[in-house]
Amino acid sequence: MIRKVIPSLLFTTFVLVVLYGCNGSGEGSYAGILMIDGIDYTWQGDIENKEFTIANKIGEVEKTVDKEIIPKTNFSSNMLEVGAEIFTSNEDAGVIIVKREHDGEYDKFIEKGYYKDIREIAWNFLVDKGWSDSASEEWESATVTKITVNEAYHLLDNSYEGEEVFSVSFADRENVVTTTPIILVDAYRNKEYISS
C-alpha cells in the first residue's frame, strides 16, 4: 500500500510544481503612474460606490510613455490615454481622480508616499505574525484603499463592521502557494490592526 501511495504523492507534487512554475507570465508588473507638478500619483483602481467625488479639474493627460517608464513631465502617465481629464477629490487631498477617455469611468490615483505610515503599520503587523514571507518586498509594495468593513472580512474586533478603514494588500513573490493576507487598518483609532 505504501509503495503505491508514495509514487502517487511524488507525481502529484511534481504536477503542482510544474503548474505553479509555469503560471507566471513573461510580462513584468508595472505600477500605473501619473505625474502632476513633480509628484508621482500611483493608480489604485476604479472608484467604486462614490468613495471619492470630483472637486476641481486640474488638467488633462498630455503625454503617454511606455508602461515600464516612470513619467517625468507634468501631466504625463504610463497608463492613461492623452486627453483623460484629471480632477482633485473632495474627500482626500492625496487622491487624484481621472476620467478615462475610452469608457467614461473613473480611476483613483494616490500621491506617492501618502499612505506610507499605514503601509508600515500593516507590514509590521505581518512581520509580528510571521506572515511576511510570501510578500515580494517590504511595505513599499503595499496598495492602500479605503473600504467599508462587511461580513466578508475575518475581524479581530467585530465592532468595526460597517466602519470605514484602510485595506492594505501587498504584492506577492512569484510562485508562492499561500498569498499575503490583506490587512485592515484603522488609522483614526490608535492605528489598531483589525483583520487578517
Protein backbone atom coordinates (compact mmCIF):
# COMPACT_ATOMS: atom_id res chain seq x y z
CA MET A 1 0.00 0.00 0.00
CA ILE A 2 2.72 2.48 1.00
CA ARG A 3 4.68 1.65 -2.17
CA LYS A 4 1.67 2.73 -4.27
CA VAL A 5 0.95 5.88 -2.24
CA ILE A 6 4.49 7.33 -2.32
CA PRO A 7 4.83 7.38 -6.15
CA SER A 8 1.33 8.83 -6.40
CA LEU A 9 2.23 11.64 -3.97
CA LEU A 10 5.52 12.32 -5.77
CA PHE A 11 3.72 12.56 -9.12
CA THR A 12 1.07 14.92 -7.67
CA THR A 13 3.79 17.11 -6.13
CA PHE A 14 5.66 17.19 -9.45
CA VAL A 15 2.50 18.24 -11.34
CA LEU A 16 1.78 21.01 -8.81
CA VAL A 17 5.35 22.31 -9.03
CA VAL A 18 5.17 22.36 -12.83
CA LEU A 19 1.79 24.12 -12.79
CA TYR A 20 2.91 26.79 -10.33
CA GLY A 21 6.25 27.21 -12.10
CA CYS A 22 4.54 27.80 -15.45
CA ASN A 23 1.93 30.13 -14.01
CA GLY A 24 3.98 33.34 -14.33
CA SER A 25 3.64 35.43 -17.44
CA GLY A 26 6.54 36.82 -19.41
CA GLU A 27 5.50 40.39 -18.67
CA GLY A 28 6.64 42.24 -15.59
CA SER A 29 4.32 44.03 -13.25
CA TYR A 30 4.29 47.82 -13.57
CA ALA A 31 2.61 50.47 -11.47
CA GLY A 32 0.31 52.89 -13.25
CA ILE A 33 1.76 56.36 -12.58
CA LEU A 34 0.54 59.89 -13.26
CA MET A 35 2.94 62.83 -12.82
CA ILE A 36 1.48 66.16 -11.64
CA ASP A 37 3.65 69.11 -10.55
CA GLY A 38 6.66 66.86 -9.88
CA ILE A 39 4.66 64.41 -7.74
CA ASP A 40 4.05 60.76 -8.68
CA TYR A 41 0.50 59.52 -8.20
CA THR A 42 0.07 55.73 -8.26
CA TRP A 43 -3.01 54.01 -9.71
CA GLN A 44 -5.18 52.34 -7.04
CA GLY A 45 -8.06 51.04 -9.17
CA ASP A 46 -11.54 52.12 -10.13
CA ILE A 47 -13.56 54.42 -7.89
CA GLU A 48 -16.40 52.34 -6.50
CA ASN A 49 -19.58 53.37 -4.69
CA LYS A 50 -18.64 57.05 -4.98
CA GLU A 51 -15.92 56.68 -2.33
CA PHE A 52 -14.34 59.81 -3.84
CA THR A 53 -16.10 62.62 -5.70
CA ILE A 54 -14.79 65.20 -8.17
CA ALA A 55 -13.84 68.62 -6.83
CA ASN A 56 -11.95 70.66 -9.47
CA LYS A 57 -10.50 69.89 -12.88
CA ILE A 58 -6.74 70.44 -12.82
CA GLY A 59 -5.86 69.39 -16.35
CA GLU A 60 -5.68 66.55 -18.84
CA VAL A 61 -3.11 63.87 -19.62
CA GLU A 62 -0.76 65.44 -22.17
CA LYS A 63 1.70 62.61 -22.78
CA THR A 64 1.71 58.82 -22.52
CA VAL A 65 5.01 56.94 -22.03
CA ASP A 66 5.72 53.19 -22.17
CA LYS A 67 4.32 51.22 -19.22
CA GLU A 68 7.76 50.33 -17.85
CA ILE A 69 8.85 54.01 -17.84
CA ILE A 70 8.26 56.34 -14.89
CA PRO A 71 6.72 59.57 -16.25
CA LYS A 72 8.91 62.65 -15.75
CA THR A 73 6.94 65.53 -17.26
CA ASN A 74 3.87 67.30 -15.89
CA PHE A 75 0.54 65.63 -16.82
CA SER A 76 2.23 62.51 -18.23
CA SER A 77 1.35 58.89 -17.49
CA ASN A 78 2.48 55.37 -18.28
CA MET A 79 -1.09 54.01 -18.39
CA LEU A 80 -3.56 56.79 -19.19
CA GLU A 81 -4.56 57.97 -22.64
CA VAL A 82 -3.79 61.51 -23.81
CA GLY A 83 -6.84 63.68 -23.12
CA ALA A 84 -8.02 61.88 -19.97
CA GLU A 85 -9.39 64.52 -17.58
CA ILE A 86 -7.70 64.95 -14.17
CA PHE A 87 -9.54 66.16 -11.04
CA THR A 88 -8.92 66.75 -7.34
CA SER A 89 -11.01 64.87 -4.78
CA ASN A 90 -13.47 66.41 -2.32
CA GLU A 91 -12.67 63.78 0.31
CA ASP A 92 -8.87 63.45 0.36
CA ALA A 93 -6.05 65.82 -0.67
CA GLY A 94 -3.80 62.86 -1.54
CA VAL A 95 -6.26 61.41 -4.07
CA ILE A 96 -6.47 62.40 -7.74
CA ILE A 97 -9.44 61.29 -9.87
CA VAL A 98 -9.04 60.60 -13.60
CA LYS A 99 -11.92 60.18 -16.05
CA ARG A 100 -10.95 57.52 -18.58
CA GLU A 101 -11.39 58.54 -22.21
CA HIS A 102 -12.46 55.16 -23.58
CA ASP A 103 -15.33 54.34 -21.19
CA GLY A 104 -16.04 57.42 -19.05
CA GLU A 105 -15.33 55.55 -15.80
CA TYR A 106 -13.11 56.98 -13.05
CA ASP A 107 -9.70 55.86 -11.76
CA LYS A 108 -8.21 56.66 -8.37
CA PHE A 109 -4.57 57.73 -8.02
CA ILE A 110 -2.83 58.22 -4.65
CA GLU A 111 0.11 60.53 -4.03
CA LYS A 112 3.32 58.51 -3.70
CA GLY A 113 4.23 58.13 -0.03
CA TYR A 114 0.86 59.48 1.13
CA TYR A 115 -0.10 56.30 2.98
CA LYS A 116 3.44 55.35 4.00
CA ASP A 117 2.61 55.23 7.70
CA ILE A 118 -0.40 52.97 7.17
CA ARG A 119 1.62 50.64 4.92
CA GLU A 120 4.37 50.39 7.54
CA ILE A 121 1.83 49.60 10.27
CA ALA A 122 0.36 46.77 8.18
CA TRP A 123 3.84 45.49 7.28
CA ASN A 124 4.95 45.43 10.91
CA PHE A 125 1.78 43.51 11.76
CA LEU A 126 2.63 40.92 9.06
CA VAL A 127 6.17 40.59 10.41
CA ASP A 128 4.93 40.23 14.00
CA LYS A 129 2.54 37.45 12.94
CA GLY A 130 5.15 35.72 10.75
CA TRP A 131 3.07 36.25 7.58
CA SER A 132 5.52 38.38 5.58
CA ASP A 133 7.39 35.54 3.82
CA SER A 134 5.07 35.49 0.80
CA ALA A 135 5.29 39.27 0.18
CA SER A 136 7.64 40.31 -2.63
CA GLU A 137 9.08 43.32 -0.84
CA GLU A 138 8.64 45.18 2.38
CA TRP A 139 5.89 47.74 2.99
CA GLU A 140 6.77 49.72 -0.17
CA SER A 141 4.88 47.13 -2.26
CA ALA A 142 1.60 47.81 -0.46
CA THR A 143 -1.55 49.13 -2.06
CA VAL A 144 -3.89 51.09 0.22
CA THR A 145 -7.59 51.60 -0.41
CA LYS A 146 -10.39 52.90 1.77
CA ILE A 147 -13.19 50.36 2.30
CA THR A 148 -16.28 49.77 4.41
CA VAL A 149 -15.92 46.64 6.56
CA ASN A 150 -18.56 43.95 6.00
CA GLU A 151 -19.08 40.31 6.89
CA ALA A 152 -16.67 39.20 4.14
CA TYR A 153 -13.72 40.04 6.41
CA HIS A 154 -12.36 37.95 9.27
CA LEU A 155 -12.20 40.60 12.01
CA LEU A 156 -10.13 40.61 15.16
CA ASP A 157 -12.61 43.15 16.57
CA ASN A 158 -16.24 42.80 15.38
CA SER A 159 -17.13 46.36 16.42
CA TYR A 160 -15.58 47.54 13.13
CA GLU A 161 -18.31 46.06 10.91
CA GLY A 162 -19.79 48.89 8.84
CA GLU A 163 -16.84 51.23 9.59
CA GLU A 164 -14.54 52.84 7.01
CA VAL A 165 -10.95 51.58 7.29
CA PHE A 166 -7.88 51.19 5.08
CA SER A 167 -7.35 47.89 3.28
CA VAL A 168 -3.64 47.17 2.80
CA SER A 169 -2.58 44.49 0.32
CA PHE A 170 0.97 43.50 -0.58
CA ALA A 171 2.41 42.21 -3.84
CA ASP A 172 3.27 38.51 -3.59
CA ARG A 173 6.56 36.88 -4.51
CA GLU A 174 6.43 34.79 -7.66
CA ASN A 175 5.39 31.16 -7.35
CA VAL A 176 4.09 31.31 -3.78
CA VAL A 177 1.37 28.90 -2.79
CA THR A 178 -0.03 30.95 0.10
CA THR A 179 -0.64 34.61 -0.67
CA THR A 180 -0.03 37.50 1.70
CA PRO A 181 -3.21 38.30 3.68
CA ILE A 182 -4.99 41.63 3.30
CA ILE A 183 -4.69 43.71 6.47
CA LEU A 184 -7.35 46.21 7.54
CA VAL A 185 -6.01 49.20 9.46
CA ASP A 186 -7.94 51.88 11.34
CA ALA A 187 -5.77 54.97 11.08
CA TYR A 188 -8.09 57.05 13.22
CA ARG A 189 -8.49 54.93 16.36
CA ASN A 190 -4.96 54.38 17.64
CA LYS A 191 -3.98 52.63 14.39
CA GLU A 192 -5.23 49.24 15.53
CA TYR A 193 -4.91 46.13 13.39
CA ILE A 194 -8.37 44.80 12.82
CA SER A 195 -8.21 41.96 10.34
CA SER A 196 -6.05 39.29 8.90
